[in-house]
PDB file of N, CA and C in Angstrom:
ATOM      1  N   UNK A   1      -6.595   7.851  12.073  1.00  0.00           N
ATOM      2  CA  UNK A   1      -6.829   6.935  10.977  1.00  0.00           C
ATOM      3  C   UNK A   1      -7.389   7.722   9.790  1.00  0.00           C
ATOM      4  N   UNK A   2      -6.997   7.338   8.620  1.00  0.00           N
ATOM      5  CA  UNK A   2      -7.416   8.046   7.408  1.00  0.00           C
ATOM      6  C   UNK A   2      -8.784   7.560   6.929  1.00  0.00           C
ATOM      7  N   UNK A   3      -9.305   8.276   5.992  1.00  0.00           N
ATOM      8  CA  UNK A   3     -10.551   7.862   5.358  1.00  0.00           C
ATOM      9  C   UNK A   3     -10.310   6.613   4.517  1.00  0.00           C
ATOM     10  N   UNK A   4     -11.322   5.813   4.296  1.00  0.00           N
ATOM     11  CA  UNK A   4     -11.134   4.622   3.467  1.00  0.00           C
ATOM     12  C   UNK A   4     -10.878   5.013   2.008  1.00  0.00           C
ATOM     13  N   UNK A   5      -9.938   4.325   1.397  1.00  0.00           N
ATOM     14  CA  UNK A   5      -9.618   4.519  -0.016  1.00  0.00           C
ATOM     15  C   UNK A   5      -9.992   3.243  -0.741  1.00  0.00           C
ATOM     16  N   UNK A   6     -10.198   3.351  -2.051  1.00  0.00           N
ATOM     17  CA  UNK A   6     -10.667   2.212  -2.824  1.00  0.00           C
ATOM     18  C   UNK A   6      -9.766   1.964  -4.012  1.00  0.00           C
ATOM     19  N   UNK A   7      -9.615   0.700  -4.344  1.00  0.00           N
ATOM     20  CA  UNK A   7      -8.938   0.320  -5.576  1.00  0.00           C
ATOM     21  C   UNK A   7      -9.658  -0.892  -6.147  1.00  0.00           C
ATOM     22  N   UNK A   8      -9.570  -1.065  -7.444  1.00  0.00           N
ATOM     23  CA  UNK A   8     -10.191  -2.205  -8.109  1.00  0.00           C
ATOM     24  C   UNK A   8      -9.088  -3.133  -8.598  1.00  0.00           C
ATOM     25  N   UNK A   9      -9.252  -4.403  -8.304  1.00  0.00           N
ATOM     26  CA  UNK A   9      -8.292  -5.408  -8.742  1.00  0.00           C
ATOM     27  C   UNK A   9      -9.060  -6.669  -9.088  1.00  0.00           C
ATOM     28  N   UNK A  10      -8.839  -7.192 -10.259  1.00  0.00           N
ATOM     29  CA  UNK A  10      -9.517  -8.423 -10.686  1.00  0.00           C
ATOM     30  C   UNK A  10     -11.032  -8.288 -10.685  1.00  0.00           C
ATOM     31  N   UNK A  11     -11.528  -7.153 -11.183  1.00  0.00           N
ATOM     32  CA  UNK A  11     -12.965  -6.877 -11.258  1.00  0.00           C
ATOM     33  C   UNK A  11     -13.658  -6.883  -9.896  1.00  0.00           C
ATOM     34  N   UNK A  12     -12.913  -6.575  -8.837  1.00  0.00           N
ATOM     35  CA  UNK A  12     -13.477  -6.500  -7.492  1.00  0.00           C
ATOM     36  C   UNK A  12     -12.933  -5.254  -6.808  1.00  0.00           C
ATOM     37  N   UNK A  13     -13.780  -4.560  -6.065  1.00  0.00           N
ATOM     38  CA  UNK A  13     -13.360  -3.371  -5.332  1.00  0.00           C
ATOM     39  C   UNK A  13     -12.841  -3.756  -3.954  1.00  0.00           C
ATOM     40  N   UNK A  14     -11.738  -3.131  -3.558  1.00  0.00           N
ATOM     41  CA  UNK A  14     -11.151  -3.341  -2.240  1.00  0.00           C
ATOM     42  C   UNK A  14     -11.020  -1.990  -1.558  1.00  0.00           C
ATOM     43  N   UNK A  15     -11.234  -1.979  -0.252  1.00  0.00           N
ATOM     44  CA  UNK A  15     -11.101  -0.765   0.536  1.00  0.00           C
ATOM     45  C   UNK A  15      -9.888  -0.916   1.444  1.00  0.00           C
ATOM     46  N   UNK A  16      -9.069   0.131   1.502  1.00  0.00           N
ATOM     47  CA  UNK A  16      -7.895   0.106   2.369  1.00  0.00           C
ATOM     48  C   UNK A  16      -7.762   1.451   3.070  1.00  0.00           C
ATOM     49  N   UNK A  17      -6.988   1.482   4.139  1.00  0.00           N
ATOM     50  CA  UNK A  17      -6.712   2.694   4.891  1.00  0.00           C
ATOM     51  C   UNK A  17      -5.207   2.833   5.064  1.00  0.00           C
ATOM     52  N   UNK A  18      -4.727   4.052   4.928  1.00  0.00           N
ATOM     53  CA  UNK A  18      -3.317   4.329   5.163  1.00  0.00           C
ATOM     54  C   UNK A  18      -3.159   4.683   6.633  1.00  0.00           C
ATOM     55  N   UNK A  19      -2.274   3.974   7.323  1.00  0.00           N
ATOM     56  CA  UNK A  19      -2.083   4.163   8.753  1.00  0.00           C
ATOM     57  C   UNK A  19      -0.935   5.116   9.074  1.00  0.00           C
ATOM     58  N   UNK A  20      -0.023   5.311   8.141  1.00  0.00           N
ATOM     59  CA  UNK A  20       1.095   6.234   8.334  1.00  0.00           C
ATOM     60  C   UNK A  20       0.580   7.657   8.267  1.00  0.00           C
ATOM     61  N   UNK A  21       0.954   8.466   9.240  1.00  0.00           N
ATOM     62  CA  UNK A  21       0.410   9.831   9.315  1.00  0.00           C
ATOM     63  C   UNK A  21       1.004  10.777   8.275  1.00  0.00           C
ATOM     64  N   UNK A  22       2.321  10.783   8.120  1.00  0.00           N
ATOM     65  CA  UNK A  22       2.976  11.717   7.199  1.00  0.00           C
ATOM     66  C   UNK A  22       3.641  10.922   6.082  1.00  0.00           C
ATOM     67  N   UNK A  23       3.291  11.267   4.842  1.00  0.00           N
ATOM     68  CA  UNK A  23       3.901  10.625   3.679  1.00  0.00           C
ATOM     69  C   UNK A  23       4.434  11.726   2.774  1.00  0.00           C
ATOM     70  N   UNK A  24       5.740  11.653   2.482  1.00  0.00           N
ATOM     71  CA  UNK A  24       6.372  12.613   1.574  1.00  0.00           C
ATOM     72  C   UNK A  24       7.512  11.911   0.840  1.00  0.00           C
ATOM     73  N   UNK A  25       8.307  12.668   0.115  1.00  0.00           N
ATOM     74  CA  UNK A  25       9.390  12.079  -0.696  1.00  0.00           C
ATOM     75  C   UNK A  25      10.430  11.342   0.151  1.00  0.00           C
ATOM     76  N   UNK A  26      10.595  11.737   1.414  1.00  0.00           N
ATOM     77  CA  UNK A  26      11.585  11.110   2.292  1.00  0.00           C
ATOM     78  C   UNK A  26      11.061   9.869   3.013  1.00  0.00           C
ATOM     79  N   UNK A  27       9.787   9.572   2.890  1.00  0.00           N
ATOM     80  CA  UNK A  27       9.186   8.422   3.549  1.00  0.00           C
ATOM     81  C   UNK A  27       9.785   7.125   2.992  1.00  0.00           C
ATOM     82  N   UNK A  28      10.176   6.226   3.893  1.00  0.00           N
ATOM     83  CA  UNK A  28      10.752   4.949   3.460  1.00  0.00           C
ATOM     84  C   UNK A  28       9.898   3.754   3.866  1.00  0.00           C
ATOM     85  N   UNK A  29       8.861   3.993   4.668  1.00  0.00           N
ATOM     86  CA  UNK A  29       8.001   2.915   5.118  1.00  0.00           C
ATOM     87  C   UNK A  29       6.572   3.441   5.272  1.00  0.00           C
ATOM     88  N   UNK A  30       5.606   2.702   4.746  1.00  0.00           N
ATOM     89  CA  UNK A  30       4.200   3.090   4.827  1.00  0.00           C
ATOM     90  C   UNK A  30       3.395   1.895   5.320  1.00  0.00           C
ATOM     91  N   UNK A  31       2.591   2.129   6.357  1.00  0.00           N
ATOM     92  CA  UNK A  31       1.700   1.088   6.866  1.00  0.00           C
ATOM     93  C   UNK A  31       0.292   1.350   6.359  1.00  0.00           C
ATOM     94  N   UNK A  32      -0.394   0.264   5.982  1.00  0.00           N
ATOM     95  CA  UNK A  32      -1.786   0.377   5.551  1.00  0.00           C
ATOM     96  C   UNK A  32      -2.539  -0.868   5.966  1.00  0.00           C
ATOM     97  N   UNK A  33      -3.846  -0.740   6.051  1.00  0.00           N
ATOM     98  CA  UNK A  33      -4.676  -1.905   6.372  1.00  0.00           C
ATOM     99  C   UNK A  33      -5.565  -2.216   5.176  1.00  0.00           C
ATOM    100  N   UNK A  34      -5.714  -3.493   4.928  1.00  0.00           N
ATOM    101  CA  UNK A  34      -6.534  -3.989   3.829  1.00  0.00           C
ATOM    102  C   UNK A  34      -7.314  -5.173   4.364  1.00  0.00           C
ATOM    103  N   UNK A  35      -8.634  -5.076   4.300  1.00  0.00           N
ATOM    104  CA  UNK A  35      -9.497  -6.140   4.809  1.00  0.00           C
ATOM    105  C   UNK A  35      -9.121  -6.527   6.235  1.00  0.00           C
ATOM    106  N   UNK A  36      -8.945  -5.525   7.079  1.00  0.00           N
ATOM    107  CA  UNK A  36      -8.669  -5.668   8.507  1.00  0.00           C
ATOM    108  C   UNK A  36      -7.323  -6.314   8.825  1.00  0.00           C
ATOM    109  N   UNK A  37      -6.410  -6.378   7.871  1.00  0.00           N
ATOM    110  CA  UNK A  37      -5.052  -6.860   8.092  1.00  0.00           C
ATOM    111  C   UNK A  37      -4.096  -5.707   7.835  1.00  0.00           C
ATOM    112  N   UNK A  38      -3.047  -5.598   8.647  1.00  0.00           N
ATOM    113  CA  UNK A  38      -2.075  -4.528   8.467  1.00  0.00           C
ATOM    114  C   UNK A  38      -0.875  -5.033   7.673  1.00  0.00           C
ATOM    115  N   UNK A  39      -0.397  -4.157   6.777  1.00  0.00           N
ATOM    116  CA  UNK A  39       0.761  -4.462   5.947  1.00  0.00           C
ATOM    117  C   UNK A  39       1.711  -3.276   5.967  1.00  0.00           C
ATOM    118  N   UNK A  40       2.967  -3.546   5.659  1.00  0.00           N
ATOM    119  CA  UNK A  40       3.972  -2.493   5.578  1.00  0.00           C
ATOM    120  C   UNK A  40       4.646  -2.575   4.226  1.00  0.00           C
ATOM    121  N   UNK A  41       4.729  -1.444   3.548  1.00  0.00           N
ATOM    122  CA  UNK A  41       5.503  -1.385   2.309  1.00  0.00           C
ATOM    123  C   UNK A  41       6.738  -0.544   2.578  1.00  0.00           C
ATOM    124  N   UNK A  42       7.888  -1.009   2.088  1.00  0.00           N
ATOM    125  CA  UNK A  42       9.151  -0.329   2.327  1.00  0.00           C
ATOM    126  C   UNK A  42       9.833  -0.010   1.012  1.00  0.00           C
ATOM    127  N   UNK A  43      10.500   1.122   1.012  1.00  0.00           N
ATOM    128  CA  UNK A  43      11.226   1.563  -0.176  1.00  0.00           C
ATOM    129  C   UNK A  43      12.595   0.902  -0.199  1.00  0.00           C
ATOM    130  N   UNK A  44      12.876   0.206  -1.273  1.00  0.00           N
ATOM    131  CA  UNK A  44      14.164  -0.463  -1.416  1.00  0.00           C
ATOM    132  C   UNK A  44      15.244   0.498  -1.890  1.00  0.00           C
ATOM    133  N   UNK A  45      16.461   0.010  -1.943  1.00  0.00           N
ATOM    134  CA  UNK A  45      17.594   0.820  -2.360  1.00  0.00           C
ATOM    135  C   UNK A  45      17.490   1.311  -3.798  1.00  0.00           C
ATOM    136  N   UNK A  46      16.751   0.591  -4.632  1.00  0.00           N
ATOM    137  CA  UNK A  46      16.602   0.985  -6.033  1.00  0.00           C
ATOM    138  C   UNK A  46      15.388   1.896  -6.250  1.00  0.00           C
ATOM    139  N   UNK A  47      14.689   2.265  -5.154  1.00  0.00           N
ATOM    140  CA  UNK A  47      13.541   3.160  -5.272  1.00  0.00           C
ATOM    141  C   UNK A  47      12.211   2.461  -5.449  1.00  0.00           C
ATOM    142  N   UNK A  48      12.229   1.137  -5.596  1.00  0.00           N
ATOM    143  CA  UNK A  48      10.974   0.378  -5.731  1.00  0.00           C
ATOM    144  C   UNK A  48      10.407   0.066  -4.358  1.00  0.00           C
ATOM    145  N   UNK A  49       9.088   0.011  -4.280  1.00  0.00           N
ATOM    146  CA  UNK A  49       8.405  -0.304  -3.032  1.00  0.00           C
ATOM    147  C   UNK A  49       8.138  -1.794  -2.968  1.00  0.00           C
ATOM    148  N   UNK A  50       8.402  -2.397  -1.811  1.00  0.00           N
ATOM    149  CA  UNK A  50       8.204  -3.825  -1.580  1.00  0.00           C
ATOM    150  C   UNK A  50       7.238  -4.017  -0.419  1.00  0.00           C
ATOM    151  N   UNK A  51       6.398  -5.038  -0.489  1.00  0.00           N
ATOM    152  CA  UNK A  51       5.500  -5.391   0.598  1.00  0.00           C
ATOM    153  C   UNK A  51       6.192  -6.452   1.446  1.00  0.00           C
ATOM    154  N   UNK A  52       6.338  -6.201   2.738  1.00  0.00           N
ATOM    155  CA  UNK A  52       7.050  -7.127   3.618  1.00  0.00           C
ATOM    156  C   UNK A  52       6.266  -8.388   3.933  1.00  0.00           C
ATOM    157  N   UNK A  53       5.016  -8.257   4.337  1.00  0.00           N
ATOM    158  CA  UNK A  53       4.252  -9.393   4.851  1.00  0.00           C
ATOM    159  C   UNK A  53       3.459 -10.137   3.783  1.00  0.00           C
ATOM    160  N   UNK A  54       3.750  -9.922   2.549  1.00  0.00           N
ATOM    161  CA  UNK A  54       2.928 -10.482   1.472  1.00  0.00           C
ATOM    162  C   UNK A  54       3.157 -11.983   1.318  1.00  0.00           C
ATOM    163  N   UNK A  55       2.054 -12.708   1.208  1.00  0.00           N
ATOM    164  CA  UNK A  55       2.140 -14.114   0.849  1.00  0.00           C
ATOM    165  C   UNK A  55       1.985 -14.200  -0.668  1.00  0.00           C
ATOM    166  N   UNK A  56       2.288 -15.330  -1.224  1.00  0.00           N
ATOM    167  CA  UNK A  56       2.224 -15.466  -2.680  1.00  0.00           C
ATOM    168  C   UNK A  56       0.810 -15.278  -3.212  1.00  0.00           C
ATOM    169  N   UNK A  57      -0.200 -15.698  -2.455  1.00  0.00           N
ATOM    170  CA  UNK A  57      -1.576 -15.635  -2.918  1.00  0.00           C
ATOM    171  C   UNK A  57      -2.096 -14.226  -3.098  1.00  0.00           C
ATOM    172  N   UNK A  58      -1.711 -13.303  -2.207  1.00  0.00           N
ATOM    173  CA  UNK A  58      -2.256 -11.953  -2.287  1.00  0.00           C
ATOM    174  C   UNK A  58      -1.230 -10.910  -2.712  1.00  0.00           C
ATOM    175  N   UNK A  59      -0.081 -11.340  -3.173  1.00  0.00           N
ATOM    176  CA  UNK A  59       0.983 -10.396  -3.516  1.00  0.00           C
ATOM    177  C   UNK A  59       0.567  -9.430  -4.624  1.00  0.00           C
ATOM    178  N   UNK A  60      -0.109  -9.898  -5.643  1.00  0.00           N
ATOM    179  CA  UNK A  60      -0.506  -9.023  -6.752  1.00  0.00           C
ATOM    180  C   UNK A  60      -1.512  -7.973  -6.301  1.00  0.00           C
ATOM    181  N   UNK A  61      -2.428  -8.342  -5.432  1.00  0.00           N
ATOM    182  CA  UNK A  61      -3.377  -7.373  -4.880  1.00  0.00           C
ATOM    183  C   UNK A  61      -2.643  -6.326  -4.056  1.00  0.00           C
ATOM    184  N   UNK A  62      -1.733  -6.750  -3.193  1.00  0.00           N
ATOM    185  CA  UNK A  62      -0.982  -5.808  -2.366  1.00  0.00           C
ATOM    186  C   UNK A  62      -0.096  -4.900  -3.219  1.00  0.00           C
ATOM    187  N   UNK A  63       0.449  -5.450  -4.284  1.00  0.00           N
ATOM    188  CA  UNK A  63       1.245  -4.651  -5.209  1.00  0.00           C
ATOM    189  C   UNK A  63       0.378  -3.580  -5.887  1.00  0.00           C
ATOM    190  N   UNK A  64      -0.854  -3.923  -6.233  1.00  0.00           N
ATOM    191  CA  UNK A  64      -1.786  -2.960  -6.831  1.00  0.00           C
ATOM    192  C   UNK A  64      -2.133  -1.850  -5.835  1.00  0.00           C
ATOM    193  N   UNK A  65      -2.326  -2.200  -4.569  1.00  0.00           N
ATOM    194  CA  UNK A  65      -2.593  -1.196  -3.538  1.00  0.00           C
ATOM    195  C   UNK A  65      -1.374  -0.292  -3.367  1.00  0.00           C
ATOM    196  N   UNK A  66      -0.185  -0.873  -3.352  1.00  0.00           N
ATOM    197  CA  UNK A  66       1.045  -0.085  -3.215  1.00  0.00           C
ATOM    198  C   UNK A  66       1.187   0.903  -4.371  1.00  0.00           C
ATOM    199  N   UNK A  67       0.893   0.468  -5.587  1.00  0.00           N
ATOM    200  CA  UNK A  67       0.958   1.371  -6.741  1.00  0.00           C
ATOM    201  C   UNK A  67      -0.054   2.498  -6.604  1.00  0.00           C
ATOM    202  N   UNK A  68      -1.234   2.175  -6.108  1.00  0.00           N
ATOM    203  CA  UNK A  68      -2.272   3.180  -5.899  1.00  0.00           C
ATOM    204  C   UNK A  68      -1.810   4.229  -4.878  1.00  0.00           C
ATOM    205  N   UNK A  69      -1.187   3.786  -3.806  1.00  0.00           N
ATOM    206  CA  UNK A  69      -0.681   4.711  -2.790  1.00  0.00           C
ATOM    207  C   UNK A  69       0.421   5.582  -3.380  1.00  0.00           C
ATOM    208  N   UNK A  70       1.322   4.996  -4.144  1.00  0.00           N
ATOM    209  CA  UNK A  70       2.419   5.763  -4.755  1.00  0.00           C
ATOM    210  C   UNK A  70       1.886   6.832  -5.713  1.00  0.00           C
ATOM    211  N   UNK A  71       0.874   6.499  -6.480  1.00  0.00           N
ATOM    212  CA  UNK A  71       0.286   7.473  -7.394  1.00  0.00           C
ATOM    213  C   UNK A  71      -0.423   8.590  -6.633  1.00  0.00           C
ATOM    214  N   UNK A  72      -1.141   8.213  -5.590  1.00  0.00           N
ATOM    215  CA  UNK A  72      -1.894   9.195  -4.804  1.00  0.00           C
ATOM    216  C   UNK A  72      -0.984  10.216  -4.155  1.00  0.00           C
ATOM    217  N   UNK A  73       0.160   9.773  -3.631  1.00  0.00           N
ATOM    218  CA  UNK A  73       1.075  10.660  -2.924  1.00  0.00           C
ATOM    219  C   UNK A  73       2.282  11.084  -3.762  1.00  0.00           C
ATOM    220  N   UNK A  74       2.331  10.695  -5.009  1.00  0.00           N
ATOM    221  CA  UNK A  74       3.419  11.062  -5.943  1.00  0.00           C
ATOM    222  C   UNK A  74       4.785  10.760  -5.324  1.00  0.00           C
ATOM    223  N   UNK A  75       4.943   9.513  -4.873  1.00  0.00           N
ATOM    224  CA  UNK A  75       6.233   9.111  -4.294  1.00  0.00           C
ATOM    225  C   UNK A  75       6.887   8.046  -5.137  1.00  0.00           C
TER     226      UNK A  75
END
């Protein structure tokens, strides 16, 4: 398990962990946990990352976490 990472969304700090061991340019799926829930983001055919398990209420937060992961790993 990775160290906890932090992102700020809506003036609130959130802590998440990346569960996928190896992340590089060829990675097409990344698992992470946020507030003790696991989520999977997948790379679509157009190169954009999508969150599979996102509900409408938390989609923007999960999208912000996905962007943070993409920036961190330059993918």
